[in-house]
PDB file of N, CA and C in Angstrom:
ATOM      1  N   MET A   1     103.191 121.018 137.817  1.00  0.00           N
ATOM      2  CA  MET A   1     104.161 121.888 138.434  1.00  0.00           C
ATOM      3  C   MET A   1     104.302 121.572 139.926  1.00  0.00           C
ATOM      4  N   THR A   2     103.175 121.314 140.602  1.00  0.00           N
ATOM      5  CA  THR A   2     103.212 120.983 142.018  1.00  0.00           C
ATOM      6  C   THR A   2     103.985 119.703 142.253  1.00  0.00           C
ATOM      7  N   LYS A   3     103.799 118.718 141.370  1.00  0.00           N
ATOM      8  CA  LYS A   3     104.516 117.457 141.491  1.00  0.00           C
ATOM      9  C   LYS A   3     106.024 117.684 141.354  1.00  0.00           C
ATOM     10  N   PHE A   4     106.419 118.577 140.436  1.00  0.00           N
ATOM     11  CA  PHE A   4     107.834 118.892 140.242  1.00  0.00           C
ATOM     12  C   PHE A   4     108.421 119.534 141.503  1.00  0.00           C
ATOM     13  N   VAL A   5     107.695 120.454 142.108  1.00  0.00           N
ATOM     14  CA  VAL A   5     108.162 121.139 143.316  1.00  0.00           C
ATOM     15  C   VAL A   5     108.331 120.133 144.453  1.00  0.00           C
ATOM     16  N   LYS A   6     107.363 119.211 144.626  1.00  0.00           N
ATOM     17  CA  LYS A   6     107.461 118.196 145.664  1.00  0.00           C
ATOM     18  C   LYS A   6     108.657 117.280 145.420  1.00  0.00           C
ATOM     19  N   THR A   7     108.885 116.901 144.179  1.00  0.00           N
ATOM     20  CA  THR A   7     110.017 116.035 143.839  1.00  0.00           C
ATOM     21  C   THR A   7     111.335 116.762 144.092  1.00  0.00           C
ATOM     22  N   ALA A   8     111.404 118.025 143.703  1.00  0.00           N
ATOM     23  CA  ALA A   8     112.623 118.807 143.921  1.00  0.00           C
ATOM     24  C   ALA A   8     112.891 118.979 145.413  1.00  0.00           C
ATOM     25  N   ARG A   9     111.851 119.220 146.187  1.00  0.00           N
ATOM     26  CA  ARG A   9     112.004 119.374 147.631  1.00  0.00           C
ATOM     27  C   ARG A   9     112.494 118.068 148.253  1.00  0.00           C
ATOM     28  N   LEU A  10     111.919 116.934 147.836  1.00  0.00           N
ATOM     29  CA  LEU A  10     112.340 115.638 148.346  1.00  0.00           C
ATOM     30  C   LEU A  10     113.797 115.358 147.980  1.00  0.00           C
ATOM     31  N   ALA A  11     114.189 115.693 146.761  1.00  0.00           N
ATOM     32  CA  ALA A  11     115.577 115.496 146.328  1.00  0.00           C
ATOM     33  C   ALA A  11     116.519 116.345 147.180  1.00  0.00           C
ATOM     34  N   GLY A  12     116.131 117.562 147.465  1.00  0.00           N
ATOM     35  CA  GLY A  12     116.947 118.443 148.305  1.00  0.00           C
ATOM     36  C   GLY A  12     117.102 117.890 149.710  1.00  0.00           C
ATOM     37  N   ILE A  13     116.029 117.348 150.252  1.00  0.00           N
ATOM     38  CA  ILE A  13     116.078 116.752 151.584  1.00  0.00           C
ATOM     39  C   ILE A  13     117.014 115.547 151.593  1.00  0.00           C
ATOM     40  N   MET A  14     116.932 114.723 150.561  1.00  0.00           N
ATOM     41  CA  MET A  14     117.787 113.532 150.470  1.00  0.00           C
ATOM     42  C   MET A  14     119.263 113.931 150.373  1.00  0.00           C
ATOM     43  N   VAL A  15     119.567 114.946 149.569  1.00  0.00           N
ATOM     44  CA  VAL A  15     120.953 115.408 149.436  1.00  0.00           C
ATOM     45  C   VAL A  15     121.462 115.916 150.782  1.00  0.00           C
ATOM     46  N   ALA A  16     120.649 116.694 151.481  1.00  0.00           N
ATOM     47  CA  ALA A  16     121.050 117.213 152.796  1.00  0.00           C
ATOM     48  C   ALA A  16     121.264 116.072 153.786  1.00  0.00           C
ATOM     49  N   LEU A  17     120.391 115.067 153.758  1.00  0.00           N
ATOM     50  CA  LEU A  17     120.519 113.924 154.653  1.00  0.00           C
ATOM     51  C   LEU A  17     121.809 113.158 154.383  1.00  0.00           C
ATOM     52  N   LEU A  18     122.090 112.894 153.117  1.00  0.00           N
ATOM     53  CA  LEU A  18     123.311 112.173 152.758  1.00  0.00           C
ATOM     54  C   LEU A  18     124.555 112.974 153.127  1.00  0.00           C
ATOM     55  N   ALA A  19     124.513 114.276 152.928  1.00  0.00           N
ATOM     56  CA  ALA A  19     125.655 115.126 153.281  1.00  0.00           C
ATOM     57  C   ALA A  19     125.889 115.102 154.783  1.00  0.00           C
ATOM     58  N   SER A  20     124.820 115.181 155.573  1.00  0.00           N
ATOM     59  CA  SER A  20     124.994 115.158 157.028  1.00  0.00           C
ATOM     60  C   SER A  20     125.507 113.805 157.494  1.00  0.00           C
ATOM     61  N   MET A  21     125.073 112.722 156.842  1.00  0.00           N
ATOM     62  CA  MET A  21     125.576 111.402 157.200  1.00  0.00           C
ATOM     63  C   MET A  21     127.065 111.298 156.879  1.00  0.00           C
ATOM     64  N   ALA A  22     127.486 111.860 155.747  1.00  0.00           N
ATOM     65  CA  ALA A  22     128.900 111.828 155.376  1.00  0.00           C
ATOM     66  C   ALA A  22     129.724 112.626 156.374  1.00  0.00           C
ATOM     67  N   LEU A  23     129.242 113.800 156.795  1.00  0.00           N
ATOM     68  CA  LEU A  23     129.958 114.604 157.779  1.00  0.00           C
ATOM     69  C   LEU A  23     130.033 113.879 159.113  1.00  0.00           C
ATOM     70  N   GLU A  24     128.931 113.240 159.499  1.00  0.00           N
ATOM     71  CA  GLU A  24     128.906 112.509 160.763  1.00  0.00           C
ATOM     72  C   GLU A  24     129.892 111.345 160.719  1.00  0.00           C
ATOM     73  N   PHE A  25     129.962 110.640 159.591  1.00  0.00           N
ATOM     74  CA  PHE A  25     130.893 109.531 159.446  1.00  0.00           C
ATOM     75  C   PHE A  25     132.330 110.032 159.552  1.00  0.00           C
ATOM     76  N   ARG A  26     132.637 111.142 158.884  1.00  0.00           N
ATOM     77  CA  ARG A  26     133.985 111.703 158.950  1.00  0.00           C
ATOM     78  C   ARG A  26     134.328 112.118 160.376  1.00  0.00           C
ATOM     79  N   ALA A  27     133.356 112.690 161.079  1.00  0.00           N
ATOM     80  CA  ALA A  27     133.611 113.133 162.448  1.00  0.00           C
ATOM     81  C   ALA A  27     133.891 111.953 163.363  1.00  0.00           C
ATOM     82  N   ALA A  28     133.324 110.792 163.054  1.00  0.00           N
ATOM     83  CA  ALA A  28     133.491 109.630 163.910  1.00  0.00           C
ATOM     84  C   ALA A  28     134.750 108.835 163.594  1.00  0.00           C
ATOM     85  N   ARG A  29     135.439 109.136 162.498  1.00  0.00           N
ATOM     86  CA  ARG A  29     136.649 108.395 162.146  1.00  0.00           C
ATOM     87  C   ARG A  29     137.767 108.748 163.111  1.00  0.00           C
ATOM     88  N   PRO A  30     138.564 107.757 163.515  1.00  0.00           N
ATOM     89  CA  PRO A  30     139.596 107.988 164.532  1.00  0.00           C
ATOM     90  C   PRO A  30     140.605 109.068 164.185  1.00  0.00           C
ATOM     91  N   GLU A  31     140.962 109.239 162.929  1.00  0.00           N
ATOM     92  CA  GLU A  31     141.983 110.228 162.582  1.00  0.00           C
ATOM     93  C   GLU A  31     141.455 111.656 162.599  1.00  0.00           C
ATOM     94  N   ASN A  32     140.155 111.833 162.806  1.00  0.00           N
ATOM     95  CA  ASN A  32     139.563 113.173 162.808  1.00  0.00           C
ATOM     96  C   ASN A  32     139.286 113.651 164.229  1.00  0.00           C
ATOM     97  N   GLY A  33     140.327 113.815 165.023  1.00  0.00           N
ATOM     98  CA  GLY A  33     140.162 114.324 166.373  1.00  0.00           C
ATOM     99  C   GLY A  33     139.879 115.814 166.356  1.00  0.00           C
ATOM    100  N   VAL A  34     139.430 116.318 167.492  1.00  0.00           N
ATOM    101  CA  VAL A  34     139.092 117.730 167.640  1.00  0.00           C
ATOM    102  C   VAL A  34     140.253 118.433 168.335  1.00  0.00           C
ATOM    103  N   ARG A  35     140.713 119.533 167.755  1.00  0.00           N
ATOM    104  CA  ARG A  35     141.821 120.295 168.329  1.00  0.00           C
ATOM    105  C   ARG A  35     141.375 121.027 169.598  1.00  0.00           C
ATOM    106  N   GLU A  36     142.331 121.288 170.466  1.00  0.00           N
ATOM    107  CA  GLU A  36     142.045 122.025 171.692  1.00  0.00           C
ATOM    108  C   GLU A  36     141.487 123.402 171.354  1.00  0.00           C
ATOM    109  N   GLY A  37     140.388 123.768 172.018  1.00  0.00           N
ATOM    110  CA  GLY A  37     139.762 125.065 171.791  1.00  0.00           C
ATOM    111  C   GLY A  37     138.842 125.125 170.587  1.00  0.00           C
ATOM    112  N   GLN A  38     138.823 124.086 169.755  1.00  0.00           N
ATOM    113  CA  GLN A  38     137.964 124.059 168.564  1.00  0.00           C
ATOM    114  C   GLN A  38     136.532 123.722 168.973  1.00  0.00           C
ATOM    115  N   ALA A  39     135.585 124.579 168.636  1.00  0.00           N
ATOM    116  CA  ALA A  39     134.177 124.319 168.939  1.00  0.00           C
ATOM    117  C   ALA A  39     133.574 123.455 167.850  1.00  0.00           C
ATOM    118  N   VAL A  40     132.858 122.423 168.262  1.00  0.00           N
ATOM    119  CA  VAL A  40     132.213 121.508 167.330  1.00  0.00           C
ATOM    120  C   VAL A  40     130.712 121.539 167.591  1.00  0.00           C
ATOM    121  N   ALA A  41     129.924 121.849 166.554  1.00  0.00           N
ATOM    122  CA  ALA A  41     128.464 121.874 166.671  1.00  0.00           C
ATOM    123  C   ALA A  41     127.909 120.553 166.169  1.00  0.00           C
ATOM    124  N   THR A  42     126.949 119.996 166.909  1.00  0.00           N
ATOM    125  CA  THR A  42     126.323 118.731 166.549  1.00  0.00           C
ATOM    126  C   THR A  42     124.812 118.866 166.682  1.00  0.00           C
ATOM    127  N   GLU A  43     124.077 118.516 165.640  1.00  0.00           N
ATOM    128  CA  GLU A  43     122.616 118.506 165.700  1.00  0.00           C
ATOM    129  C   GLU A  43     122.172 117.183 166.311  1.00  0.00           C
ATOM    130  N   LEU A  44     121.350 117.246 167.353  1.00  0.00           N
ATOM    131  CA  LEU A  44     120.849 116.034 167.994  1.00  0.00           C
ATOM    132  C   LEU A  44     119.368 115.816 167.734  1.00  0.00           C
ATOM    133  N   GLY A  45     118.790 116.604 166.887  1.00  0.00           N
ATOM    134  CA  GLY A  45     117.380 116.499 166.564  1.00  0.00           C
ATOM    135  C   GLY A  45     116.922 117.795 165.936  1.00  0.00           C
ATOM    136  N   ALA A  46     115.648 117.830 165.591  1.00  0.00           N
ATOM    137  CA  ALA A  46     115.103 119.011 164.923  1.00  0.00           C
ATOM    138  C   ALA A  46     115.141 120.242 165.821  1.00  0.00           C
ATOM    139  N   ASN A  47     115.135 120.032 167.138  1.00  0.00           N
ATOM    140  CA  ASN A  47     115.084 121.176 168.042  1.00  0.00           C
ATOM    141  C   ASN A  47     116.208 121.198 169.078  1.00  0.00           C
ATOM    142  N   VAL A  48     117.260 120.390 168.865  1.00  0.00           N
ATOM    143  CA  VAL A  48     118.348 120.322 169.833  1.00  0.00           C
ATOM    144  C   VAL A  48     119.692 120.367 169.124  1.00  0.00           C
ATOM    145  N   SER A  49     120.562 121.258 169.587  1.00  0.00           N
ATOM    146  CA  SER A  49     121.927 121.294 169.068  1.00  0.00           C
ATOM    147  C   SER A  49     122.890 121.381 170.246  1.00  0.00           C
ATOM    148  N   ALA A  50     124.102 120.900 170.020  1.00  0.00           N
ATOM    149  CA  ALA A  50     125.127 120.909 171.064  1.00  0.00           C
ATOM    150  C   ALA A  50     126.401 121.519 170.507  1.00  0.00           C
ATOM    151  N   THR A  51     127.081 122.298 171.320  1.00  0.00           N
ATOM    152  CA  THR A  51     128.387 122.852 170.963  1.00  0.00           C
ATOM    153  C   THR A  51     129.376 122.378 172.017  1.00  0.00           C
ATOM    154  N   THR A  52     130.471 121.743 171.545  1.00  0.00           N
ATOM    155  CA  THR A  52     131.444 121.135 172.449  1.00  0.00           C
ATOM    156  C   THR A  52     132.848 121.658 172.153  1.00  0.00           C
ATOM    157  N   TYR A  53     133.628 121.896 173.194  1.00  0.00           N
ATOM    158  CA  TYR A  53     135.047 122.230 173.045  1.00  0.00           C
ATOM    159  C   TYR A  53     135.781 121.642 174.240  1.00  0.00           C
ATOM    160  N   TRP A  54     137.105 121.613 174.177  1.00  0.00           N
ATOM    161  CA  TRP A  54     137.900 121.094 175.288  1.00  0.00           C
ATOM    162  C   TRP A  54     139.172 121.901 175.450  1.00  0.00           C
ATOM    163  N   PHE A  55     139.751 121.799 176.643  1.00  0.00           N
ATOM    164  CA  PHE A  55     141.036 122.431 176.912  1.00  0.00           C
ATOM    165  C   PHE A  55     141.781 121.595 177.954  1.00  0.00           C
ATOM    166  N   ALA A  56     143.102 121.579 177.845  1.00  0.00           N
ATOM    167  CA  ALA A  56     143.943 120.776 178.729  1.00  0.00           C
ATOM    168  C   ALA A  56     144.294 121.546 179.997  1.00  0.00           C
ATOM    169  N   GLU A  57     144.224 120.850 181.114  1.00  0.00           N
ATOM    170  CA  GLU A  57     144.645 121.378 182.416  1.00  0.00           C
ATOM    171  C   GLU A  57     145.487 120.295 183.085  1.00  0.00           C
ATOM    172  N   SER A  58     146.102 120.623 184.184  1.00  0.00           N
ATOM    173  CA  SER A  58     146.972 119.659 184.862  1.00  0.00           C
ATOM    174  C   SER A  58     146.204 118.449 185.408  1.00  0.00           C
ATOM    175  N   ASP A  59     144.903 118.610 185.695  1.00  0.00           N
ATOM    176  CA  ASP A  59     144.116 117.501 186.231  1.00  0.00           C
ATOM    177  C   ASP A  59     143.412 116.685 185.152  1.00  0.00           C
ATOM    178  N   GLY A  60     143.621 116.977 183.885  1.00  0.00           N
ATOM    179  CA  GLY A  60     143.005 116.233 182.777  1.00  0.00           C
ATOM    180  C   GLY A  60     142.488 117.187 181.723  1.00  0.00           C
ATOM    181  N   TRP A  61     141.805 116.633 180.727  1.00  0.00           N
ATOM    182  CA  TRP A  61     141.243 117.451 179.656  1.00  0.00           C
ATOM    183  C   TRP A  61     139.806 117.785 180.012  1.00  0.00           C
ATOM    184  N   HIS A  62     139.514 119.072 180.088  1.00  0.00           N
ATOM    185  CA  HIS A  62     138.175 119.541 180.431  1.00  0.00           C
ATOM    186  C   HIS A  62     137.350 119.661 179.151  1.00  0.00           C
ATOM    187  N   VAL A  63     136.227 118.972 179.119  1.00  0.00           N
ATOM    188  CA  VAL A  63     135.323 118.996 177.977  1.00  0.00           C
ATOM    189  C   VAL A  63     134.054 119.718 178.407  1.00  0.00           C
ATOM    190  N   VAL A  64     133.652 120.711 177.628  1.00  0.00           N
ATOM    191  CA  VAL A  64     132.465 121.506 177.944  1.00  0.00           C
ATOM    192  C   VAL A  64     131.491 121.406 176.779  1.00  0.00           C
ATOM    193  N   THR A  65     130.248 121.046 177.073  1.00  0.00           N
ATOM    194  CA  THR A  65     129.202 120.956 176.055  1.00  0.00           C
ATOM    195  C   THR A  65     128.023 121.814 176.487  1.00  0.00           C
ATOM    196  N   THR A  66     127.586 122.689 175.601  1.00  0.00           N
ATOM    197  CA  THR A  66     126.402 123.513 175.840  1.00  0.00           C
ATOM    198  C   THR A  66     125.327 123.068 174.867  1.00  0.00           C
ATOM    199  N   MET A  67     124.147 122.729 175.406  1.00  0.00           N
ATOM    200  CA  MET A  67     123.038 122.281 174.569  1.00  0.00           C
ATOM    201  C   MET A  67     121.971 123.367 174.521  1.00  0.00           C
ATOM    202  N   ASP A  68     121.421 123.556 173.333  1.00  0.00           N
ATOM    203  CA  ASP A  68     120.331 124.501 173.119  1.00  0.00           C
ATOM    204  C   ASP A  68     119.119 123.696 172.680  1.00  0.00           C
ATOM    205  N   ILE A  69     118.081 123.692 173.509  1.00  0.00           N
ATOM    206  CA  ILE A  69     116.849 122.963 173.224  1.00  0.00           C
ATOM    207  C   ILE A  69     115.773 124.004 172.954  1.00  0.00           C
ATOM    208  N   VAL A  70     115.205 123.964 171.748  1.00  0.00           N
ATOM    209  CA  VAL A  70     114.205 124.942 171.345  1.00  0.00           C
ATOM    210  C   VAL A  70     112.820 124.337 171.547  1.00  0.00           C
ATOM    211  N   VAL A  71     111.958 125.089 172.219  1.00  0.00           N
ATOM    212  CA  VAL A  71     110.587 124.665 172.481  1.00  0.00           C
ATOM    213  C   VAL A  71     109.647 125.666 171.821  1.00  0.00           C
ATOM    214  N   GLY A  72     108.600 125.177 171.159  1.00  0.00           N
ATOM    215  CA  GLY A  72     107.637 126.069 170.520  1.00  0.00           C
ATOM    216  C   GLY A  72     108.154 126.689 169.245  1.00  0.00           C
ATOM    217  N   MET A  73     108.877 125.912 168.433  1.00  0.00           N
ATOM    218  CA  MET A  73     109.491 126.437 167.213  1.00  0.00           C
ATOM    219  C   MET A  73     108.463 126.890 166.179  1.00  0.00           C
ATOM    220  N   GLU A  74     107.279 126.318 166.202  1.00  0.00           N
ATOM    221  CA  GLU A  74     106.296 126.619 165.171  1.00  0.00           C
ATOM    222  C   GLU A  74     105.616 127.974 165.359  1.00  0.00           C
ATOM    223  N   GLY A  75     105.564 128.458 166.559  1.00  0.00           N
ATOM    224  CA  GLY A  75     104.819 129.685 166.823  1.00  0.00           C
ATOM    225  C   GLY A  75     105.705 130.841 167.250  1.00  0.00           C
ATOM    226  N   VAL A  76     105.058 131.866 167.714  1.00  0.00           N
ATOM    227  CA  VAL A  76     105.772 133.061 168.145  1.00  0.00           C
ATOM    228  C   VAL A  76     106.312 132.903 169.562  1.00  0.00           C
ATOM    229  N   ASP A  77     105.953 131.807 170.224  1.00  0.00           N
ATOM    230  CA  ASP A  77     106.373 131.569 171.605  1.00  0.00           C
ATOM    231  C   ASP A  77     107.640 130.734 171.703  1.00  0.00           C
ATOM    232  N   GLU A  78     108.522 130.843 170.717  1.00  0.00           N
ATOM    233  CA  GLU A  78     109.753 130.045 170.730  1.00  0.00           C
ATOM    234  C   GLU A  78     110.585 130.378 171.960  1.00  0.00           C
ATOM    235  N   ARG A  79     110.985 129.331 172.683  1.00  0.00           N
ATOM    236  CA  ARG A  79     111.805 129.493 173.882  1.00  0.00           C
ATOM    237  C   ARG A  79     113.015 128.569 173.784  1.00  0.00           C
ATOM    238  N   HIS A  80     114.086 128.957 174.427  1.00  0.00           N
ATOM    239  CA  HIS A  80     115.308 128.157 174.435  1.00  0.00           C
ATOM    240  C   HIS A  80     115.625 127.734 175.862  1.00  0.00           C
ATOM    241  N   ALA A  81     115.894 126.449 176.022  1.00  0.00           N
ATOM    242  CA  ALA A  81     116.406 125.938 177.285  1.00  0.00           C
ATOM    243  C   ALA A  81     117.869 125.586 177.034  1.00  0.00           C
ATOM    244  N   VAL A  82     118.748 126.147 177.816  1.00  0.00           N
ATOM    245  CA  VAL A  82     120.183 125.927 177.617  1.00  0.00           C
ATOM    246  C   VAL A  82     120.718 125.150 178.817  1.00  0.00           C
ATOM    247  N   ALA A  83     121.480 124.096 178.512  1.00  0.00           N
ATOM    248  CA  ALA A  83     122.095 123.278 179.562  1.00  0.00           C
ATOM    249  C   ALA A  83     123.582 123.154 179.263  1.00  0.00           C
ATOM    250  N   ARG A  84     124.391 123.192 180.305  1.00  0.00           N
ATOM    251  CA  ARG A  84     125.847 123.105 180.140  1.00  0.00           C
ATOM    252  C   ARG A  84     126.348 121.899 180.913  1.00  0.00           C
ATOM    253  N   PHE A  85     127.142 121.071 180.245  1.00  0.00           N
ATOM    254  CA  PHE A  85     127.735 119.888 180.848  1.00  0.00           C
ATOM    255  C   PHE A  85     129.245 120.019 180.779  1.00  0.00           C
ATOM    256  N   SER A  86     129.927 119.591 181.824  1.00  0.00           N
ATOM    257  CA  SER A  86     131.384 119.582 181.770  1.00  0.00           C
ATOM    258  C   SER A  86     131.891 118.305 182.424  1.00  0.00           C
ATOM    259  N   ALA A  87     133.041 117.857 181.938  1.00  0.00           N
ATOM    260  CA  ALA A  87     133.658 116.643 182.470  1.00  0.00           C
ATOM    261  C   ALA A  87     135.162 116.759 182.284  1.00  0.00           C
ATOM    262  N   VAL A  88     135.895 116.063 183.127  1.00  0.00           N
ATOM    263  CA  VAL A  88     137.342 115.958 182.978  1.00  0.00           C
ATOM    264  C   VAL A  88     137.618 114.543 182.498  1.00  0.00           C
ATOM    265  N   LEU A  89     138.226 114.425 181.311  1.00  0.00           N
ATOM    266  CA  LEU A  89     138.458 113.110 180.727  1.00  0.00           C
ATOM    267  C   LEU A  89     139.944 112.768 180.691  1.00  0.00           C
ATOM    268  N   TRP A  90     140.235 111.536 181.050  1.00  0.00           N
ATOM    269  CA  TRP A  90     141.567 110.956 180.912  1.00  0.00           C
ATOM    270  C   TRP A  90     141.529 110.011 179.723  1.00  0.00           C
ATOM    271  N   PRO A  91     142.661 109.593 179.166  1.00  0.00           N
ATOM    272  CA  PRO A  91     142.656 108.670 178.016  1.00  0.00           C
ATOM    273  C   PRO A  91     141.782 107.446 178.296  1.00  0.00           C
ATOM    274  N   GLY A  92     140.931 107.115 177.336  1.00  0.00           N
ATOM    275  CA  GLY A  92     140.040 105.963 177.445  1.00  0.00           C
ATOM    276  C   GLY A  92     138.685 106.268 178.055  1.00  0.00           C
ATOM    277  N   GLN A  93     138.503 107.438 178.627  1.00  0.00           N
ATOM    278  CA  GLN A  93     137.215 107.779 179.231  1.00  0.00           C
ATOM    279  C   GLN A  93     136.293 108.428 178.210  1.00  0.00           C
ATOM    280  N   ALA A  94     134.985 108.307 178.468  1.00  0.00           N
ATOM    281  CA  ALA A  94     133.978 108.879 177.570  1.00  0.00           C
ATOM    282  C   ALA A  94     132.859 109.506 178.396  1.00  0.00           C
ATOM    283  N   GLN A  95     132.153 110.410 177.751  1.00  0.00           N
ATOM    284  CA  GLN A  95     130.979 111.054 178.336  1.00  0.00           C
ATOM    285  C   GLN A  95     129.848 110.894 177.334  1.00  0.00           C
ATOM    286  N   LEU A  96     128.669 110.476 177.811  1.00  0.00           N
ATOM    287  CA  LEU A  96     127.485 110.375 176.957  1.00  0.00           C
ATOM    288  C   LEU A  96     126.468 111.405 177.428  1.00  0.00           C
ATOM    289  N   ILE A  97     125.916 112.158 176.473  1.00  0.00           N
ATOM    290  CA  ILE A  97     124.885 113.144 176.775  1.00  0.00           C
ATOM    291  C   ILE A  97     123.708 112.849 175.859  1.00  0.00           C
ATOM    292  N   SER A  98     122.520 112.736 176.439  1.00  0.00           N
ATOM    293  CA  SER A  98     121.326 112.478 175.627  1.00  0.00           C
ATOM    294  C   SER A  98     120.234 113.455 176.024  1.00  0.00           C
ATOM    295  N   VAL A  99     119.238 113.550 175.168  1.00  0.00           N
ATOM    296  CA  VAL A  99     118.112 114.442 175.413  1.00  0.00           C
ATOM    297  C   VAL A  99     116.825 113.630 175.369  1.00  0.00           C
ATOM    298  N   PRO A 100     115.751 114.117 176.014  1.00  0.00           N
ATOM    299  CA  PRO A 100     114.477 113.411 175.944  1.00  0.00           C
ATOM    300  C   PRO A 100     114.016 113.292 174.494  1.00  0.00           C
ATOM    301  N   TYR A 101     113.259 112.252 174.216  1.00  0.00           N
ATOM    302  CA  TYR A 101     112.791 112.012 172.851  1.00  0.00           C
ATOM    303  C   TYR A 101     111.383 111.433 172.893  1.00  0.00           C
ATOM    304  N   PRO A 102     110.616 111.633 171.832  1.00  0.00           N
ATOM    305  CA  PRO A 102     109.243 111.110 171.793  1.00  0.00           C
ATOM    306  C   PRO A 102     109.226 109.581 171.750  1.00  0.00           C
ATOM    307  N   LEU A 103     108.212 108.995 172.340  1.00  0.00           N
ATOM    308  CA  LEU A 103     108.044 107.544 172.289  1.00  0.00           C
ATOM    309  C   LEU A 103     107.998 107.070 170.845  1.00  0.00           C
ATOM    310  N   GLY A 104     108.669 105.966 170.576  1.00  0.00           N
ATOM    311  CA  GLY A 104     108.669 105.398 169.236  1.00  0.00           C
ATOM    312  C   GLY A 104     109.783 105.916 168.340  1.00  0.00           C
ATOM    313  N   GLU A 105     110.521 106.918 168.783  1.00  0.00           N
ATOM    314  CA  GLU A 105     111.635 107.447 167.994  1.00  0.00           C
ATOM    315  C   GLU A 105     112.949 107.011 168.618  1.00  0.00           C
ATOM    316  N   HIS A 106     114.022 107.094 167.842  1.00  0.00           N
ATOM    317  CA  HIS A 106     115.338 106.736 168.357  1.00  0.00           C
ATOM    318  C   HIS A 106     115.942 107.900 169.129  1.00  0.00           C
ATOM    319  N   GLN A 107     116.513 107.585 170.261  1.00  0.00           N
ATOM    320  CA  GLN A 107     117.173 108.589 171.077  1.00  0.00           C
ATOM    321  C   GLN A 107     118.465 109.030 170.398  1.00  0.00           C
ATOM    322  N   GLN A 108     118.773 110.308 170.473  1.00  0.00           N
ATOM    323  CA  GLN A 108     120.020 110.853 169.943  1.00  0.00           C
ATOM    324  C   GLN A 108     120.990 111.029 171.107  1.00  0.00           C
ATOM    325  N   VAL A 109     122.179 110.479 170.955  1.00  0.00           N
ATOM    326  CA  VAL A 109     123.174 110.517 172.014  1.00  0.00           C
ATOM    327  C   VAL A 109     124.452 111.144 171.466  1.00  0.00           C
ATOM    328  N   LEU A 110     125.025 112.045 172.231  1.00  0.00           N
ATOM    329  CA  LEU A 110     126.303 112.648 171.883  1.00  0.00           C
ATOM    330  C   LEU A 110     127.371 111.934 172.710  1.00  0.00           C
ATOM    331  N   ARG A 111     128.338 111.318 172.007  1.00  0.00           N
ATOM    332  CA  ARG A 111     129.432 110.630 172.699  1.00  0.00           C
ATOM    333  C   ARG A 111     130.708 111.452 172.535  1.00  0.00           C
ATOM    334  N   ILE A 112     131.311 111.780 173.661  1.00  0.00           N
ATOM    335  CA  ILE A 112     132.574 112.524 173.661  1.00  0.00           C
ATOM    336  C   ILE A 112     133.573 111.617 174.354  1.00  0.00           C
ATOM    337  N   ARG A 113     134.647 111.281 173.670  1.00  0.00           N
ATOM    338  CA  ARG A 113     135.617 110.404 174.306  1.00  0.00           C
ATOM    339  C   ARG A 113     137.040 110.849 174.009  1.00  0.00           C
ATOM    340  N   ARG A 114     137.887 110.539 174.963  1.00  0.00           N
ATOM    341  CA  ARG A 114     139.302 110.859 174.805  1.00  0.00           C
ATOM    342  C   ARG A 114     140.016 109.586 174.394  1.00  0.00           C
ATOM    343  N   LEU A 115     140.616 109.643 173.235  1.00  0.00           N
ATOM    344  CA  LEU A 115     141.363 108.516 172.695  1.00  0.00           C
ATOM    345  C   LEU A 115     142.829 108.928 172.627  1.00  0.00           C
ATOM    346  N   GLY A 116     143.594 108.553 173.643  1.00  0.00           N
ATOM    347  CA  GLY A 116     145.001 108.927 173.682  1.00  0.00           C
ATOM    348  C   GLY A 116     145.170 110.428 173.807  1.00  0.00           C
ATOM    349  N   ASP A 117     145.732 111.034 172.766  1.00  0.00           N
ATOM    350  CA  ASP A 117     146.006 112.475 172.800  1.00  0.00           C
ATOM    351  C   ASP A 117     145.032 113.278 171.947  1.00  0.00           C
ATOM    352  N   ARG A 118     143.793 112.783 171.817  1.00  0.00           N
ATOM    353  CA  ARG A 118     142.792 113.530 171.047  1.00  0.00           C
ATOM    354  C   ARG A 118     141.402 113.288 171.614  1.00  0.00           C
ATOM    355  N   ILE A 119     140.491 114.159 171.233  1.00  0.00           N
ATOM    356  CA  ILE A 119     139.085 114.056 171.619  1.00  0.00           C
ATOM    357  C   ILE A 119     138.274 113.738 170.370  1.00  0.00           C
ATOM    358  N   GLU A 120     137.332 112.820 170.504  1.00  0.00           N
ATOM    359  CA  GLU A 120     136.435 112.467 169.404  1.00  0.00           C
ATOM    360  C   GLU A 120     135.010 112.788 169.840  1.00  0.00           C
ATOM    361  N   ILE A 121     134.275 113.462 168.967  1.00  0.00           N
ATOM    362  CA  ILE A 121     132.882 113.821 169.236  1.00  0.00           C
ATOM    363  C   ILE A 121     132.036 113.209 168.123  1.00  0.00           C
ATOM    364  N   ALA A 122     131.019 112.433 168.508  1.00  0.00           N
ATOM    365  CA  ALA A 122     130.172 111.777 167.495  1.00  0.00           C
ATOM    366  C   ALA A 122     128.752 111.611 168.016  1.00  0.00           C
ATOM    367  N   ARG A 123     127.809 111.693 167.102  1.00  0.00           N
ATOM    368  CA  ARG A 123     126.418 111.375 167.421  1.00  0.00           C
ATOM    369  C   ARG A 123     126.274 109.880 167.210  1.00  0.00           C
ATOM    370  N   VAL A 124     125.765 109.180 168.221  1.00  0.00           N
ATOM    371  CA  VAL A 124     125.631 107.725 168.150  1.00  0.00           C
ATOM    372  C   VAL A 124     124.186 107.343 168.443  1.00  0.00           C
ATOM    373  N   PRO A 125     123.753 106.193 167.930  1.00  0.00           N
ATOM    374  CA  PRO A 125     122.374 105.768 168.207  1.00  0.00           C
ATOM    375  C   PRO A 125     122.185 105.417 169.673  1.00  0.00           C
ATOM    376  N   GLY A 126     121.014 105.774 170.173  1.00  0.00           N
ATOM    377  CA  GLY A 126     120.654 105.420 171.539  1.00  0.00           C
ATOM    378  C   GLY A 126     119.545 104.389 171.506  1.00  0.00           C
ATOM    379  N   SER A 127     118.846 104.284 172.596  1.00  0.00           N
ATOM    380  CA  SER A 127     117.757 103.313 172.671  1.00  0.00           C
ATOM    381  C   SER A 127     116.506 103.860 171.986  1.00  0.00           C
ATOM    382  N   SER A 128     115.564 102.994 171.752  1.00  0.00           N
ATOM    383  CA  SER A 128     114.262 103.411 171.236  1.00  0.00           C
ATOM    384  C   SER A 128     113.196 102.673 172.014  1.00  0.00           C
ATOM    385  N   VAL A 129     112.052 103.310 172.179  1.00  0.00           N
ATOM    386  CA  VAL A 129     110.968 102.700 172.950  1.00  0.00           C
ATOM    387  C   VAL A 129     109.799 102.468 172.042  1.00  0.00           C
TER     388      VAL A 129
END
């Protein structure tokens, strides 16, 4: 019975991983731009998430990203560090936002770029040490 539970749990993890990869791929496709005012949530790791939206102004498109970094998730001392990033993007410009990562793991990078008349938000691979 224990072996069945472990196998079922592993299968569930694999399905979730494949689903998130499919969503990430769809989000990165050029025809899937983000509408003005639409909030997009992106997981950048087990303890980091980002919410991004944009709005048009006369000086360019303002992109705002708020990151929530959770520290101490395992215990009762869970704390949140929140950081807010903003940029004004013109066509062809991009913004990269990354978070600290443990040695030996791949860095998670959020790429926000303006492609003509749309904004694209995607998680892209960063460096690894």
